[in-house]
């Protein structure tokens, strides 16, 4: 199957934010189809959003301002499992900050899981709730650390 390709560089040259156009293209993906993004830099915030939607990514730097990122649905996401954003090795403040950023880019109703190295404090959970989340701690998690189930419920 041919991948769906998107070149964000023309948007960047015109001073436009390419994120909404990228996400519209992602919505057109068919099951099993990869998404290949050409960009001027490694788009780490986009990678986190795509991870929350069940994608893995491979980044190839071809040259100055020429980066190719290939996104592929993980086998778990293809089966319908909840996407897992792994931040267990990251300091808690950084992990929560990143998750809040991801959350703001998701649609209302989208849900993902986050793996953290420890149990978040009430203040950390409040950051996520303020960013629009409903957060549940998964007590059945069988790995070291904590698994949160995060659902965007309001803007």
N, C-alpha and C. Protein backbone atom coordinates (compact mmCIF):
# COMPACT_ATOMS: atom_id res chain seq x y z
N UNK A 1 0.84 -1.17 0.00
CA UNK A 1 0.00 0.00 0.00
C UNK A 1 0.89 1.24 0.00
N UNK A 2 0.54 2.19 -0.82
CA UNK A 2 1.30 3.43 -0.90
C UNK A 2 1.07 4.28 0.35
N UNK A 3 2.13 4.88 0.89
CA UNK A 3 1.92 5.77 2.04
C UNK A 3 1.24 7.06 1.60
N UNK A 4 0.60 7.71 2.55
CA UNK A 4 0.05 9.04 2.32
C UNK A 4 1.16 10.02 2.65
N UNK A 5 1.51 10.87 1.68
CA UNK A 5 2.62 11.80 1.88
C UNK A 5 2.11 13.23 2.03
N UNK A 6 2.81 13.98 2.88
CA UNK A 6 2.45 15.37 3.14
C UNK A 6 3.73 16.18 3.30
N UNK A 7 3.85 17.26 2.53
CA UNK A 7 5.02 18.14 2.61
C UNK A 7 4.61 19.41 3.34
N UNK A 8 5.14 19.61 4.54
CA UNK A 8 4.79 20.78 5.35
C UNK A 8 5.63 22.00 5.01
N UNK A 9 6.68 21.84 4.25
CA UNK A 9 7.60 22.95 3.98
C UNK A 9 6.95 24.14 3.29
N UNK A 10 6.06 23.95 2.31
CA UNK A 10 5.42 25.13 1.71
C UNK A 10 4.61 25.95 2.73
N UNK A 11 3.95 25.28 3.66
CA UNK A 11 3.20 25.98 4.71
C UNK A 11 4.15 26.82 5.56
N UNK A 12 5.28 26.21 5.92
CA UNK A 12 6.25 26.92 6.76
C UNK A 12 6.85 28.12 6.02
N UNK A 13 7.13 27.96 4.74
CA UNK A 13 7.67 29.08 3.96
C UNK A 13 6.69 30.25 3.90
N UNK A 14 5.39 29.94 3.90
CA UNK A 14 4.35 30.98 3.85
C UNK A 14 3.98 31.50 5.24
N UNK A 15 4.63 30.97 6.28
CA UNK A 15 4.34 31.41 7.64
C UNK A 15 3.06 30.84 8.22
N UNK A 16 2.54 29.76 7.63
CA UNK A 16 1.31 29.12 8.11
C UNK A 16 1.67 27.97 9.05
N UNK A 17 0.83 27.78 10.04
CA UNK A 17 0.97 26.64 10.95
C UNK A 17 0.46 25.39 10.22
N UNK A 18 1.33 24.40 9.98
CA UNK A 18 0.89 23.23 9.20
C UNK A 18 0.10 22.19 10.00
N UNK A 19 0.08 22.30 11.33
CA UNK A 19 -0.54 21.24 12.16
C UNK A 19 -1.97 20.91 11.74
N UNK A 20 -2.88 21.88 11.58
CA UNK A 20 -4.25 21.48 11.22
C UNK A 20 -4.34 20.77 9.87
N UNK A 21 -3.48 21.15 8.93
CA UNK A 21 -3.48 20.51 7.62
C UNK A 21 -2.92 19.08 7.71
N UNK A 22 -1.91 18.93 8.57
CA UNK A 22 -1.34 17.60 8.78
C UNK A 22 -2.40 16.67 9.38
N UNK A 23 -3.12 17.17 10.38
CA UNK A 23 -4.12 16.32 11.04
C UNK A 23 -5.28 15.99 10.10
N UNK A 24 -5.65 16.90 9.21
CA UNK A 24 -6.69 16.59 8.22
C UNK A 24 -6.21 15.48 7.30
N UNK A 25 -4.93 15.51 6.93
CA UNK A 25 -4.38 14.45 6.09
C UNK A 25 -4.36 13.13 6.84
N UNK A 26 -3.99 13.15 8.11
CA UNK A 26 -3.94 11.92 8.92
C UNK A 26 -5.32 11.27 9.00
N UNK A 27 -6.37 12.09 9.07
CA UNK A 27 -7.73 11.55 9.13
C UNK A 27 -8.11 10.77 7.88
N UNK A 28 -7.41 10.99 6.78
CA UNK A 28 -7.70 10.30 5.53
C UNK A 28 -6.99 8.95 5.41
N UNK A 29 -6.15 8.61 6.38
CA UNK A 29 -5.42 7.34 6.31
C UNK A 29 -6.37 6.16 6.32
N UNK A 30 -6.04 5.15 5.54
CA UNK A 30 -6.80 3.90 5.55
C UNK A 30 -6.06 2.92 6.46
N UNK A 31 -6.73 1.88 6.97
CA UNK A 31 -6.05 0.91 7.83
C UNK A 31 -4.81 0.34 7.16
N UNK A 32 -3.70 0.35 7.92
CA UNK A 32 -2.45 -0.19 7.41
C UNK A 32 -1.62 0.78 6.59
N UNK A 33 -2.14 1.97 6.35
CA UNK A 33 -1.42 2.94 5.53
C UNK A 33 -0.50 3.80 6.40
N UNK A 34 0.75 3.99 5.94
CA UNK A 34 1.70 4.85 6.64
C UNK A 34 1.46 6.30 6.24
N UNK A 35 1.93 7.20 7.09
CA UNK A 35 1.88 8.63 6.82
C UNK A 35 3.31 9.14 6.79
N UNK A 36 3.72 9.76 5.69
CA UNK A 36 5.09 10.25 5.54
C UNK A 36 5.05 11.77 5.46
N UNK A 37 5.69 12.40 6.42
CA UNK A 37 5.72 13.85 6.51
C UNK A 37 7.10 14.35 6.11
N UNK A 38 7.14 15.32 5.21
CA UNK A 38 8.38 16.02 4.90
C UNK A 38 8.32 17.37 5.59
N UNK A 39 9.38 17.69 6.34
CA UNK A 39 9.37 18.87 7.18
C UNK A 39 10.74 19.52 7.17
N UNK A 40 10.85 20.71 7.77
CA UNK A 40 12.14 21.39 7.86
C UNK A 40 12.89 21.04 9.14
N UNK A 41 12.22 20.35 10.09
CA UNK A 41 12.83 20.00 11.37
C UNK A 41 12.13 18.75 11.91
N UNK A 42 12.72 18.16 12.94
CA UNK A 42 12.11 17.01 13.62
C UNK A 42 10.95 17.52 14.47
N UNK A 43 9.70 17.22 14.10
CA UNK A 43 8.53 17.79 14.79
C UNK A 43 8.15 17.02 16.05
N UNK A 44 8.93 17.17 17.09
CA UNK A 44 8.69 16.39 18.32
C UNK A 44 7.31 16.57 18.93
N UNK A 45 6.75 17.78 18.98
CA UNK A 45 5.38 17.88 19.52
C UNK A 45 4.38 17.07 18.69
N UNK A 46 4.51 17.09 17.37
CA UNK A 46 3.63 16.29 16.52
C UNK A 46 3.84 14.80 16.78
N UNK A 47 5.09 14.40 16.98
CA UNK A 47 5.38 12.99 17.27
C UNK A 47 4.65 12.55 18.53
N UNK A 48 4.61 13.42 19.55
CA UNK A 48 3.90 13.08 20.79
C UNK A 48 2.40 12.95 20.57
N UNK A 49 1.85 13.85 19.76
CA UNK A 49 0.41 13.78 19.45
C UNK A 49 0.11 12.49 18.69
N UNK A 50 0.95 12.17 17.73
CA UNK A 50 0.74 10.95 16.94
C UNK A 50 0.91 9.71 17.82
N UNK A 51 1.85 9.76 18.77
CA UNK A 51 2.02 8.65 19.70
C UNK A 51 0.73 8.44 20.51
N UNK A 52 0.11 9.54 20.92
CA UNK A 52 -1.15 9.45 21.67
C UNK A 52 -2.29 8.92 20.81
N UNK A 53 -2.11 8.96 19.50
CA UNK A 53 -3.10 8.41 18.57
C UNK A 53 -2.73 7.01 18.10
N UNK A 54 -1.66 6.44 18.68
CA UNK A 54 -1.32 5.06 18.37
C UNK A 54 -0.31 4.86 17.26
N UNK A 55 0.50 5.87 16.98
CA UNK A 55 1.50 5.77 15.93
C UNK A 55 2.91 5.70 16.51
N UNK A 56 3.77 4.96 15.85
CA UNK A 56 5.21 5.04 16.11
C UNK A 56 5.79 5.88 14.98
N UNK A 57 7.04 6.31 15.14
CA UNK A 57 7.62 7.11 14.05
C UNK A 57 9.10 6.82 13.89
N UNK A 58 9.56 7.04 12.67
CA UNK A 58 10.97 6.95 12.32
C UNK A 58 11.34 8.28 11.68
N UNK A 59 12.41 8.90 12.18
CA UNK A 59 12.84 10.20 11.69
C UNK A 59 14.13 10.03 10.90
N UNK A 60 14.16 10.58 9.70
CA UNK A 60 15.36 10.57 8.86
C UNK A 60 15.70 12.01 8.48
N UNK A 61 16.90 12.45 8.85
CA UNK A 61 17.35 13.78 8.45
C UNK A 61 18.10 13.62 7.13
N UNK A 62 17.56 14.22 6.09
CA UNK A 62 18.14 14.10 4.74
C UNK A 62 19.12 15.23 4.46
N UNK A 63 18.96 16.35 5.14
CA UNK A 63 19.82 17.50 4.92
C UNK A 63 19.28 18.67 5.71
N UNK A 64 19.92 19.84 5.55
CA UNK A 64 19.41 21.03 6.25
C UNK A 64 17.97 21.32 5.82
N UNK A 65 17.12 21.46 6.80
CA UNK A 65 15.70 21.75 6.57
C UNK A 65 15.01 20.73 5.68
N UNK A 66 15.47 19.48 5.77
CA UNK A 66 14.83 18.39 5.03
C UNK A 66 14.80 17.15 5.91
N UNK A 67 13.68 16.98 6.58
CA UNK A 67 13.48 15.85 7.50
C UNK A 67 12.25 15.07 7.03
N UNK A 68 12.41 13.74 6.98
CA UNK A 68 11.31 12.85 6.61
C UNK A 68 10.91 12.08 7.88
N UNK A 69 9.64 12.13 8.22
CA UNK A 69 9.13 11.39 9.38
C UNK A 69 8.06 10.42 8.88
N UNK A 70 8.27 9.14 9.12
CA UNK A 70 7.30 8.12 8.73
C UNK A 70 6.56 7.66 9.98
N UNK A 71 5.25 7.83 9.95
CA UNK A 71 4.38 7.41 11.05
C UNK A 71 3.66 6.13 10.64
N UNK A 72 3.61 5.18 11.57
CA UNK A 72 2.94 3.90 11.32
C UNK A 72 2.14 3.53 12.57
N UNK A 73 0.90 3.09 12.35
CA UNK A 73 0.10 2.60 13.49
C UNK A 73 0.81 1.44 14.16
N UNK A 74 0.84 1.46 15.48
CA UNK A 74 1.44 0.35 16.21
C UNK A 74 0.53 -0.87 16.11
N UNK A 75 1.10 -2.07 16.26
CA UNK A 75 0.25 -3.27 16.24
C UNK A 75 -0.86 -3.20 17.29
N UNK A 76 -0.57 -2.62 18.45
CA UNK A 76 -1.58 -2.49 19.51
C UNK A 76 -2.73 -1.60 19.05
N UNK A 77 -2.39 -0.49 18.40
CA UNK A 77 -3.43 0.43 17.93
C UNK A 77 -4.23 -0.20 16.80
N UNK A 78 -3.57 -0.97 15.95
CA UNK A 78 -4.28 -1.67 14.87
C UNK A 78 -5.31 -2.64 15.45
N UNK A 79 -4.98 -3.24 16.63
CA UNK A 79 -5.92 -4.16 17.29
C UNK A 79 -7.03 -3.42 18.02
N UNK A 80 -6.88 -2.11 18.16
CA UNK A 80 -7.89 -1.34 18.87
C UNK A 80 -7.55 -1.06 20.33
N UNK A 81 -6.33 -1.43 20.75
CA UNK A 81 -5.91 -1.14 22.13
C UNK A 81 -5.70 0.36 22.30
N UNK A 82 -5.78 0.82 23.52
CA UNK A 82 -5.57 2.23 23.83
C UNK A 82 -4.12 2.60 23.57
N UNK A 83 -3.85 3.69 22.82
CA UNK A 83 -2.47 4.11 22.58
C UNK A 83 -1.76 4.42 23.90
N UNK A 84 -0.49 4.05 23.99
CA UNK A 84 0.30 4.26 25.21
C UNK A 84 1.42 5.26 24.92
N UNK A 85 1.43 6.35 25.68
CA UNK A 85 2.49 7.35 25.60
C UNK A 85 3.45 7.05 26.75
N UNK A 86 4.66 6.63 26.41
CA UNK A 86 5.64 6.20 27.40
C UNK A 86 6.48 7.38 27.86
N UNK A 87 6.29 7.78 29.10
CA UNK A 87 7.10 8.84 29.70
C UNK A 87 7.65 8.37 31.06
N UNK A 88 7.81 7.06 31.22
CA UNK A 88 8.19 6.54 32.53
C UNK A 88 9.62 6.89 32.94
N UNK A 89 10.49 7.19 31.99
CA UNK A 89 11.87 7.51 32.32
C UNK A 89 12.10 9.02 32.44
N UNK A 90 11.05 9.79 32.30
CA UNK A 90 11.16 11.25 32.30
C UNK A 90 10.80 11.80 33.68
N UNK A 91 11.45 12.88 34.11
CA UNK A 91 11.03 13.51 35.37
C UNK A 91 9.55 13.88 35.31
N UNK A 92 8.87 13.74 36.43
CA UNK A 92 7.42 13.90 36.47
C UNK A 92 6.95 15.26 35.94
N UNK A 93 7.59 16.36 36.35
CA UNK A 93 7.15 17.68 35.87
C UNK A 93 7.22 17.76 34.35
N UNK A 94 8.30 17.26 33.76
CA UNK A 94 8.44 17.27 32.30
C UNK A 94 7.39 16.40 31.63
N UNK A 95 7.16 15.22 32.20
CA UNK A 95 6.18 14.29 31.62
C UNK A 95 4.79 14.92 31.62
N UNK A 96 4.39 15.52 32.73
CA UNK A 96 3.07 16.13 32.82
C UNK A 96 2.96 17.31 31.86
N UNK A 97 4.00 18.11 31.75
CA UNK A 97 4.01 19.23 30.81
C UNK A 97 3.82 18.74 29.38
N UNK A 98 4.54 17.68 29.01
CA UNK A 98 4.38 17.12 27.66
C UNK A 98 2.99 16.55 27.44
N UNK A 99 2.47 15.83 28.42
CA UNK A 99 1.14 15.24 28.27
C UNK A 99 0.07 16.33 28.14
N UNK A 100 0.22 17.41 28.89
CA UNK A 100 -0.74 18.52 28.78
C UNK A 100 -0.67 19.14 27.37
N UNK A 101 0.52 19.23 26.82
CA UNK A 101 0.67 19.74 25.46
C UNK A 101 0.02 18.84 24.44
N UNK A 102 0.20 17.54 24.60
CA UNK A 102 -0.44 16.56 23.71
C UNK A 102 -1.95 16.69 23.82
N UNK A 103 -2.43 16.75 25.03
CA UNK A 103 -3.87 16.81 25.28
C UNK A 103 -4.52 17.99 24.56
N UNK A 104 -3.86 19.13 24.57
CA UNK A 104 -4.42 20.33 23.93
C UNK A 104 -4.56 20.18 22.42
N UNK A 105 -3.83 19.25 21.83
CA UNK A 105 -3.87 19.04 20.38
C UNK A 105 -4.84 17.93 19.97
N UNK A 106 -5.44 17.26 20.93
CA UNK A 106 -6.37 16.18 20.62
C UNK A 106 -7.80 16.71 20.53
N UNK A 107 -8.62 15.93 19.88
CA UNK A 107 -10.04 16.27 19.79
C UNK A 107 -10.74 15.86 21.08
N UNK A 108 -11.83 16.54 21.37
CA UNK A 108 -12.64 16.15 22.52
C UNK A 108 -13.11 14.72 22.30
N UNK A 109 -12.96 13.89 23.32
CA UNK A 109 -13.35 12.49 23.25
C UNK A 109 -12.18 11.55 23.00
N UNK A 110 -11.05 12.05 22.48
CA UNK A 110 -9.91 11.17 22.25
C UNK A 110 -9.30 10.75 23.58
N UNK A 111 -8.87 9.50 23.63
CA UNK A 111 -8.36 8.91 24.86
C UNK A 111 -7.04 8.21 24.58
N UNK A 112 -6.12 8.30 25.53
CA UNK A 112 -4.86 7.58 25.45
C UNK A 112 -4.41 7.22 26.85
N UNK A 113 -3.42 6.35 26.94
CA UNK A 113 -2.84 5.98 28.22
C UNK A 113 -1.44 6.56 28.30
N UNK A 114 -1.00 6.86 29.50
CA UNK A 114 0.35 7.37 29.73
C UNK A 114 1.03 6.52 30.79
N UNK A 115 2.26 6.13 30.52
CA UNK A 115 3.06 5.37 31.46
C UNK A 115 4.04 6.32 32.12
N UNK A 116 3.90 6.50 33.43
CA UNK A 116 4.76 7.39 34.19
C UNK A 116 5.60 6.57 35.18
N UNK A 117 6.75 7.10 35.54
CA UNK A 117 7.66 6.39 36.44
C UNK A 117 7.19 6.32 37.87
N UNK A 118 6.27 7.17 38.25
CA UNK A 118 5.75 7.18 39.62
C UNK A 118 4.31 7.69 39.60
N UNK A 119 3.69 7.64 40.76
CA UNK A 119 2.32 8.13 40.86
C UNK A 119 2.34 9.66 40.86
N UNK A 120 1.54 10.29 40.01
CA UNK A 120 1.53 11.76 39.98
C UNK A 120 0.85 12.33 41.23
N UNK A 121 1.30 13.52 41.61
CA UNK A 121 0.71 14.20 42.77
C UNK A 121 -0.65 14.79 42.37
N UNK A 122 -1.45 15.17 43.34
CA UNK A 122 -2.71 15.85 43.01
C UNK A 122 -2.49 17.11 42.16
N UNK A 123 -1.38 17.82 42.41
CA UNK A 123 -1.08 19.02 41.61
C UNK A 123 -0.81 18.65 40.16
N UNK A 124 -0.10 17.54 39.93
CA UNK A 124 0.16 17.09 38.56
C UNK A 124 -1.15 16.72 37.86
N UNK A 125 -2.02 16.01 38.57
CA UNK A 125 -3.31 15.65 37.98
C UNK A 125 -4.14 16.89 37.67
N UNK A 126 -4.03 17.90 38.52
CA UNK A 126 -4.75 19.16 38.27
C UNK A 126 -4.26 19.85 37.00
N UNK A 127 -2.98 19.77 36.70
CA UNK A 127 -2.45 20.35 35.46
C UNK A 127 -3.14 19.71 34.26
N UNK A 128 -3.27 18.39 34.30
CA UNK A 128 -3.93 17.67 33.20
C UNK A 128 -5.41 18.03 33.13
N UNK A 129 -6.05 18.10 34.27
CA UNK A 129 -7.48 18.45 34.28
C UNK A 129 -7.70 19.87 33.76
N UNK A 130 -6.82 20.78 34.12
CA UNK A 130 -6.92 22.16 33.64
C UNK A 130 -6.73 22.22 32.13
N UNK A 131 -5.93 21.29 31.60
CA UNK A 131 -5.69 21.24 30.15
C UNK A 131 -6.85 20.57 29.40
N UNK A 132 -7.88 20.14 30.14
CA UNK A 132 -9.06 19.58 29.48
C UNK A 132 -9.26 18.09 29.66
N UNK A 133 -8.57 17.49 30.62
CA UNK A 133 -8.60 16.03 30.75
C UNK A 133 -9.48 15.53 31.87
N UNK A 134 -9.97 14.33 31.61
CA UNK A 134 -10.51 13.47 32.66
C UNK A 134 -9.42 12.43 32.84
N UNK A 135 -8.97 12.22 34.07
CA UNK A 135 -7.81 11.35 34.32
C UNK A 135 -8.19 10.26 35.31
N UNK A 136 -7.87 9.03 34.94
CA UNK A 136 -8.05 7.89 35.85
C UNK A 136 -6.72 7.19 36.02
N UNK A 137 -6.45 6.75 37.25
CA UNK A 137 -5.25 5.95 37.51
C UNK A 137 -5.64 4.50 37.36
N UNK A 138 -4.92 3.78 36.50
CA UNK A 138 -5.21 2.37 36.22
C UNK A 138 -4.56 1.50 37.29
N UNK A 139 -5.35 1.02 38.23
CA UNK A 139 -4.81 0.22 39.34
C UNK A 139 -4.45 -1.20 38.91
N UNK A 140 -4.84 -1.61 37.71
CA UNK A 140 -4.52 -2.96 37.25
C UNK A 140 -3.18 -3.02 36.51
N UNK A 141 -2.48 -1.90 36.38
CA UNK A 141 -1.19 -1.82 35.66
C UNK A 141 -0.20 -2.76 36.31
N UNK A 142 0.43 -3.60 35.48
CA UNK A 142 1.32 -4.63 36.03
C UNK A 142 2.80 -4.33 35.80
N UNK A 143 3.14 -3.12 35.38
CA UNK A 143 4.54 -2.72 35.21
C UNK A 143 4.93 -1.77 36.34
N UNK A 144 6.23 -1.53 36.45
CA UNK A 144 6.70 -0.55 37.43
C UNK A 144 6.22 0.83 37.00
N UNK A 145 5.83 1.65 37.95
CA UNK A 145 5.34 2.99 37.63
C UNK A 145 3.82 3.03 37.67
N UNK A 146 3.28 4.02 37.01
CA UNK A 146 1.83 4.26 37.04
C UNK A 146 1.31 4.44 35.62
N UNK A 147 0.14 3.92 35.38
CA UNK A 147 -0.53 4.10 34.08
C UNK A 147 -1.76 4.97 34.30
N UNK A 148 -1.81 6.06 33.56
CA UNK A 148 -2.98 6.93 33.57
C UNK A 148 -3.78 6.71 32.30
N UNK A 149 -5.08 6.80 32.42
CA UNK A 149 -5.95 6.83 31.25
C UNK A 149 -6.47 8.27 31.17
N UNK A 150 -6.15 8.91 30.05
CA UNK A 150 -6.41 10.34 29.90
C UNK A 150 -7.36 10.55 28.72
N UNK A 151 -8.43 11.26 28.98
CA UNK A 151 -9.46 11.53 27.94
C UNK A 151 -9.70 13.03 27.89
N UNK A 152 -9.63 13.57 26.69
CA UNK A 152 -9.93 14.99 26.54
C UNK A 152 -11.43 15.18 26.60
N UNK A 153 -11.90 15.99 27.56
CA UNK A 153 -13.33 16.17 27.74
C UNK A 153 -13.80 17.61 27.51
N UNK A 154 -12.87 18.57 27.53
CA UNK A 154 -13.24 19.96 27.24
C UNK A 154 -12.02 20.72 26.72
N UNK A 155 -12.28 21.85 26.02
CA UNK A 155 -11.16 22.63 25.45
C UNK A 155 -10.29 23.27 26.52
